[in-house]
Amino acid sequence: VAASTDEPIAGGRHKVFGNADLAI
């Protein structure tokens, strides 16, 4: 939501539900 570079999948490029560790 905050477009943070620490977001685990898109790194601030978009708000998505995704996480490679979770197979999402």
PDB file of all heavy atoms in Angstrom:
ATOM      1  N   VAL A   1       0.827  -1.202   0.000  1.00  0.00           N
ATOM      2  CA  VAL A   1       0.000   0.000   0.000  1.00  0.00           C
ATOM      3  C   VAL A   1       0.865   1.258   0.000  1.00  0.00           C
ATOM      4  O   VAL A   1       0.557   2.248  -0.675  1.00  0.00           O
ATOM      5  CB  VAL A   1      -0.940  -0.005   1.221  1.00  0.00           C
ATOM      6  CG1 VAL A   1      -1.649   1.337   1.369  1.00  0.00           C
ATOM      7  CG2 VAL A   1      -1.955  -1.144   1.109  1.00  0.00           C
ATOM      8  N   ALA A   2       1.968   1.210   0.752  1.00  0.00           N
ATOM      9  CA  ALA A   2       2.854   2.371   0.870  1.00  0.00           C
ATOM     10  C   ALA A   2       3.872   2.466  -0.253  1.00  0.00           C
ATOM     11  O   ALA A   2       4.681   3.399  -0.270  1.00  0.00           O
ATOM     12  CB  ALA A   2       3.593   2.315   2.212  1.00  0.00           C
ATOM     13  N   ALA A   3       3.846   1.526  -1.200  1.00  0.00           N
ATOM     14  CA  ALA A   3       4.835   1.483  -2.284  1.00  0.00           C
ATOM     15  C   ALA A   3       6.252   1.442  -1.737  1.00  0.00           C
ATOM     16  O   ALA A   3       7.177   2.059  -2.278  1.00  0.00           O
ATOM     17  CB  ALA A   3       4.660   2.670  -3.232  1.00  0.00           C
ATOM     18  N   SER A   4       6.445   0.672  -0.672  1.00  0.00           N
ATOM     19  CA  SER A   4       7.756   0.553  -0.033  1.00  0.00           C
ATOM     20  C   SER A   4       8.682  -0.340  -0.855  1.00  0.00           C
ATOM     21  O   SER A   4       8.260  -1.382  -1.370  1.00  0.00           O
ATOM     22  CB  SER A   4       7.591  -0.029   1.373  1.00  0.00           C
ATOM     23  OG  SER A   4       8.824  -0.461   1.898  1.00  0.00           O
ATOM     24  N   THR A   5       9.937   0.036  -0.918  1.00  0.00           N
ATOM     25  CA  THR A   5      10.911  -0.802  -1.616  1.00  0.00           C
ATOM     26  C   THR A   5      11.174  -2.104  -0.870  1.00  0.00           C
ATOM     27  O   THR A   5      11.760  -3.033  -1.436  1.00  0.00           O
ATOM     28  CB  THR A   5      12.241  -0.055  -1.792  1.00  0.00           C
ATOM     29  OG1 THR A   5      12.708   0.375  -0.512  1.00  0.00           O
ATOM     30  CG2 THR A   5      12.078   1.153  -2.697  1.00  0.00           C
ATOM     31  N   ASP A   6      10.736  -2.183   0.390  1.00  0.00           N
ATOM     32  CA  ASP A   6      10.927  -3.403   1.173  1.00  0.00           C
ATOM     33  C   ASP A   6       9.787  -4.399   1.001  1.00  0.00           C
ATOM     34  O   ASP A   6       9.815  -5.472   1.602  1.00  0.00           O
ATOM     35  CB  ASP A   6      11.076  -3.054   2.663  1.00  0.00           C
ATOM     36  CG  ASP A   6      12.353  -2.284   2.950  1.00  0.00           C
ATOM     37  OD1 ASP A   6      13.359  -2.531   2.260  1.00  0.00           O
ATOM     38  OD2 ASP A   6      12.339  -1.437   3.861  1.00  0.00           O
ATOM     39  N   GLU A   7       8.770  -4.040   0.206  1.00  0.00           N
ATOM     40  CA  GLU A   7       7.681  -4.979  -0.046  1.00  0.00           C
ATOM     41  C   GLU A   7       8.257  -6.222  -0.725  1.00  0.00           C
ATOM     42  O   GLU A   7       9.116  -6.109  -1.598  1.00  0.00           O
ATOM     43  CB  GLU A   7       6.629  -4.295  -0.940  1.00  0.00           C
ATOM     44  CG  GLU A   7       5.320  -5.038  -1.039  1.00  0.00           C
ATOM     45  CD  GLU A   7       5.307  -6.039  -2.171  1.00  0.00           C
ATOM     46  OE1 GLU A   7       6.128  -5.887  -3.104  1.00  0.00           O
ATOM     47  OE2 GLU A   7       4.498  -6.973  -2.131  1.00  0.00           O
ATOM     48  N   PRO A   8       7.836  -7.434  -0.327  1.00  0.00           N
ATOM     49  CA  PRO A   8       8.590  -8.638  -0.683  1.00  0.00           C
ATOM     50  C   PRO A   8       8.511  -9.105  -2.120  1.00  0.00           C
ATOM     51  O   PRO A   8       9.323  -9.932  -2.526  1.00  0.00           O
ATOM     52  CB  PRO A   8       7.996  -9.699   0.256  1.00  0.00           C
ATOM     53  CG  PRO A   8       6.604  -9.228   0.525  1.00  0.00           C
ATOM     54  CD  PRO A   8       6.708  -7.730   0.565  1.00  0.00           C
ATOM     55  N   ILE A   9       7.565  -8.615  -2.894  1.00  0.00           N
ATOM     56  CA  ILE A   9       7.468  -9.148  -4.253  1.00  0.00           C
ATOM     57  C   ILE A   9       7.679  -8.070  -5.296  1.00  0.00           C
ATOM     58  O   ILE A   9       8.563  -8.178  -6.147  1.00  0.00           O
ATOM     59  CB  ILE A   9       6.125  -9.896  -4.484  1.00  0.00           C
ATOM     60  CG1 ILE A   9       6.192 -10.718  -5.778  1.00  0.00           C
ATOM     61  CG2 ILE A   9       4.949  -8.952  -4.455  1.00  0.00           C
ATOM     62  CD1 ILE A   9       7.073 -11.929  -5.686  1.00  0.00           C
ATOM     63  N   ALA A  10       6.910  -6.995  -5.277  1.00  0.00           N
ATOM     64  CA  ALA A  10       7.025  -5.959  -6.310  1.00  0.00           C
ATOM     65  C   ALA A  10       8.020  -4.873  -5.934  1.00  0.00           C
ATOM     66  O   ALA A  10       8.403  -4.070  -6.788  1.00  0.00           O
ATOM     67  CB  ALA A  10       5.656  -5.332  -6.593  1.00  0.00           C
ATOM     68  N   GLY A  11       8.408  -4.809  -4.673  1.00  0.00           N
ATOM     69  CA  GLY A  11       9.411  -3.829  -4.264  1.00  0.00           C
ATOM     70  C   GLY A  11       8.982  -2.396  -4.477  1.00  0.00           C
ATOM     71  O   GLY A  11       9.797  -1.533  -4.791  1.00  0.00           O
ATOM     72  N   GLY A  12       7.665  -2.122  -4.318  1.00  0.00           N
ATOM     73  CA  GLY A  12       7.181  -0.760  -4.460  1.00  0.00           C
ATOM     74  C   GLY A  12       6.665  -0.417  -5.838  1.00  0.00           C
ATOM     75  O   GLY A  12       6.281   0.730  -6.078  1.00  0.00           O
ATOM     76  N   ARG A  13       6.641  -1.370  -6.754  1.00  0.00           N
ATOM     77  CA  ARG A  13       6.188  -1.074  -8.126  1.00  0.00           C
ATOM     78  C   ARG A  13       4.680  -1.185  -8.286  1.00  0.00           C
ATOM     79  O   ARG A  13       4.116  -0.613  -9.201  1.00  0.00           O
ATOM     80  CB  ARG A  13       6.900  -2.006  -9.108  1.00  0.00           C
ATOM     81  CG  ARG A  13       8.375  -1.673  -9.234  1.00  0.00           C
ATOM     82  CD  ARG A  13       9.171  -2.741  -9.957  1.00  0.00           C
ATOM     83  NE  ARG A  13      10.585  -2.367  -9.953  1.00  0.00           N
ATOM     84  CZ  ARG A  13      11.407  -2.589  -8.934  1.00  0.00           C
ATOM     85  NH1 ARG A  13      10.965  -3.202  -7.843  1.00  0.00           N
ATOM     86  NH2 ARG A  13      12.663  -2.189  -8.982  1.00  0.00           N
ATOM     87  N   HIS A  14       4.041  -1.939  -7.413  1.00  0.00           N
ATOM     88  CA  HIS A  14       2.594  -2.095  -7.495  1.00  0.00           C
ATOM     89  C   HIS A  14       2.143  -2.778  -6.212  1.00  0.00           C
ATOM     90  O   HIS A  14       2.937  -3.440  -5.528  1.00  0.00           O
ATOM     91  CB  HIS A  14       2.208  -2.937  -8.713  1.00  0.00           C
ATOM     92  CG  HIS A  14       0.754  -2.876  -9.073  1.00  0.00           C
ATOM     93  ND1 HIS A  14      -0.009  -1.753  -8.910  1.00  0.00           N
ATOM     94  CD2 HIS A  14      -0.085  -3.816  -9.595  1.00  0.00           C
ATOM     95  CE1 HIS A  14      -1.241  -1.982  -9.330  1.00  0.00           C
ATOM     96  NE2 HIS A  14      -1.315  -3.237  -9.745  1.00  0.00           N
ATOM     97  N   LYS A  15       0.875  -2.645  -5.892  1.00  0.00           N
ATOM     98  CA  LYS A  15       0.298  -3.390  -4.766  1.00  0.00           C
ATOM     99  C   LYS A  15      -0.287  -4.676  -5.331  1.00  0.00           C
ATOM    100  O   LYS A  15      -1.312  -4.658  -6.009  1.00  0.00           O
ATOM    101  CB  LYS A  15      -0.776  -2.555  -4.076  1.00  0.00           C
ATOM    102  CG  LYS A  15      -1.696  -3.342  -3.144  1.00  0.00           C
ATOM    103  CD  LYS A  15      -0.921  -3.945  -1.975  1.00  0.00           C
ATOM    104  CE  LYS A  15      -1.873  -4.754  -1.102  1.00  0.00           C
ATOM    105  NZ  LYS A  15      -2.269  -6.017  -1.752  1.00  0.00           N
ATOM    106  N   VAL A  16       0.379  -5.773  -5.062  1.00  0.00           N
ATOM    107  CA  VAL A  16      -0.077  -7.077  -5.541  1.00  0.00           C
ATOM    108  C   VAL A  16       0.005  -8.077  -4.399  1.00  0.00           C
ATOM    109  O   VAL A  16       0.772  -7.901  -3.453  1.00  0.00           O
ATOM    110  CB  VAL A  16       0.779  -7.582  -6.729  1.00  0.00           C
ATOM    111  CG1 VAL A  16       0.565  -6.741  -7.965  1.00  0.00           C
ATOM    112  CG2 VAL A  16       2.257  -7.616  -6.364  1.00  0.00           C
ATOM    113  N   PHE A  17      -0.789  -9.131  -4.477  1.00  0.00           N
ATOM    114  CA  PHE A  17      -0.618 -10.256  -3.569  1.00  0.00           C
ATOM    115  C   PHE A  17       0.350 -11.223  -4.230  1.00  0.00           C
ATOM    116  O   PHE A  17       0.025 -11.883  -5.224  1.00  0.00           O
ATOM    117  CB  PHE A  17      -1.959 -10.939  -3.289  1.00  0.00           C
ATOM    118  CG  PHE A  17      -2.861 -10.144  -2.390  1.00  0.00           C
ATOM    119  CD1 PHE A  17      -4.045  -9.623  -2.866  1.00  0.00           C
ATOM    120  CD2 PHE A  17      -2.508  -9.909  -1.067  1.00  0.00           C
ATOM    121  CE1 PHE A  17      -4.875  -8.891  -2.040  1.00  0.00           C
ATOM    122  CE2 PHE A  17      -3.328  -9.169  -0.234  1.00  0.00           C
ATOM    123  CZ  PHE A  17      -4.515  -8.650  -0.713  1.00  0.00           C
ATOM    124  N   GLY A  18       1.549 -11.285  -3.693  1.00  0.00           N
ATOM    125  CA  GLY A  18       2.560 -12.167  -4.249  1.00  0.00           C
ATOM    126  C   GLY A  18       3.676 -12.398  -3.269  1.00  0.00           C
ATOM    127  O   GLY A  18       4.028 -11.505  -2.482  1.00  0.00           O
ATOM    128  N   ASN A  19       4.219 -13.590  -3.285  1.00  0.00           N
ATOM    129  CA  ASN A  19       5.352 -13.913  -2.426  1.00  0.00           C
ATOM    130  C   ASN A  19       5.918 -15.241  -2.898  1.00  0.00           C
ATOM    131  O   ASN A  19       5.224 -16.260  -2.859  1.00  0.00           O
ATOM    132  CB  ASN A  19       4.899 -13.995  -0.959  1.00  0.00           C
ATOM    133  CG  ASN A  19       6.066 -14.044  -0.003  1.00  0.00           C
ATOM    134  OD1 ASN A  19       6.994 -14.832  -0.167  1.00  0.00           O
ATOM    135  ND2 ASN A  19       6.006 -13.203   1.030  1.00  0.00           N
ATOM    136  N   ALA A  20       7.157 -15.225  -3.354  1.00  0.00           N
ATOM    137  CA  ALA A  20       7.749 -16.444  -3.903  1.00  0.00           C
ATOM    138  C   ALA A  20       7.876 -17.526  -2.840  1.00  0.00           C
ATOM    139  O   ALA A  20       7.732 -18.719  -3.139  1.00  0.00           O
ATOM    140  CB  ALA A  20       9.113 -16.133  -4.515  1.00  0.00           C
ATOM    141  N   ASP A  21       8.141 -17.141  -1.588  1.00  0.00           N
ATOM    142  CA  ASP A  21       8.248 -18.133  -0.517  1.00  0.00           C
ATOM    143  C   ASP A  21       6.920 -18.835  -0.271  1.00  0.00           C
ATOM    144  O   ASP A  21       6.886 -19.975   0.201  1.00  0.00           O
ATOM    145  CB  ASP A  21       8.710 -17.466   0.782  1.00  0.00           C
ATOM    146  CG  ASP A  21      10.123 -16.902   0.673  1.00  0.00           C
ATOM    147  OD1 ASP A  21      10.890 -17.369  -0.192  1.00  0.00           O
ATOM    148  OD2 ASP A  21      10.441 -15.987   1.447  1.00  0.00           O
ATOM    149  N   LEU A  22       5.824 -18.153  -0.571  1.00  0.00           N
ATOM    150  CA  LEU A  22       4.492 -18.692  -0.329  1.00  0.00           C
ATOM    151  C   LEU A  22       3.854 -19.259  -1.591  1.00  0.00           C
ATOM    152  O   LEU A  22       2.678 -19.626  -1.582  1.00  0.00           O
ATOM    153  CB  LEU A  22       3.582 -17.596   0.244  1.00  0.00           C
ATOM    154  CG  LEU A  22       4.073 -16.908   1.523  1.00  0.00           C
ATOM    155  CD1 LEU A  22       3.128 -15.784   1.913  1.00  0.00           C
ATOM    156  CD2 LEU A  22       4.203 -17.918   2.661  1.00  0.00           C
ATOM    157  N   ALA A  23       4.611 -19.319  -2.687  1.00  0.00           N
ATOM    158  CA  ALA A  23       4.114 -19.824  -3.976  1.00  0.00           C
ATOM    159  C   ALA A  23       2.912 -19.023  -4.456  1.00  0.00           C
ATOM    160  O   ALA A  23       2.014 -19.560  -5.116  1.00  0.00           O
ATOM    161  CB  ALA A  23       3.774 -21.311  -3.895  1.00  0.00           C
ATOM    162  N   ILE A  24       2.892 -17.728  -4.147  1.00  0.00           N
ATOM    163  CA  ILE A  24       1.840 -16.839  -4.637  1.00  0.00           C
ATOM    164  C   ILE A  24       2.437 -15.987  -5.743  1.00  0.00           C
ATOM    165  O   ILE A  24       3.339 -15.174  -5.502  1.00  0.00           O
ATOM    166  CB  ILE A  24       1.273 -15.960  -3.509  1.00  0.00           C
ATOM    167  CG1 ILE A  24       0.662 -16.836  -2.410  1.00  0.00           C
ATOM    168  CG2 ILE A  24       0.221 -15.004  -4.066  1.00  0.00           C
ATOM    169  CD1 ILE A  24       0.143 -16.060  -1.218  1.00  0.00           C
TER     170      ILE A  24
END
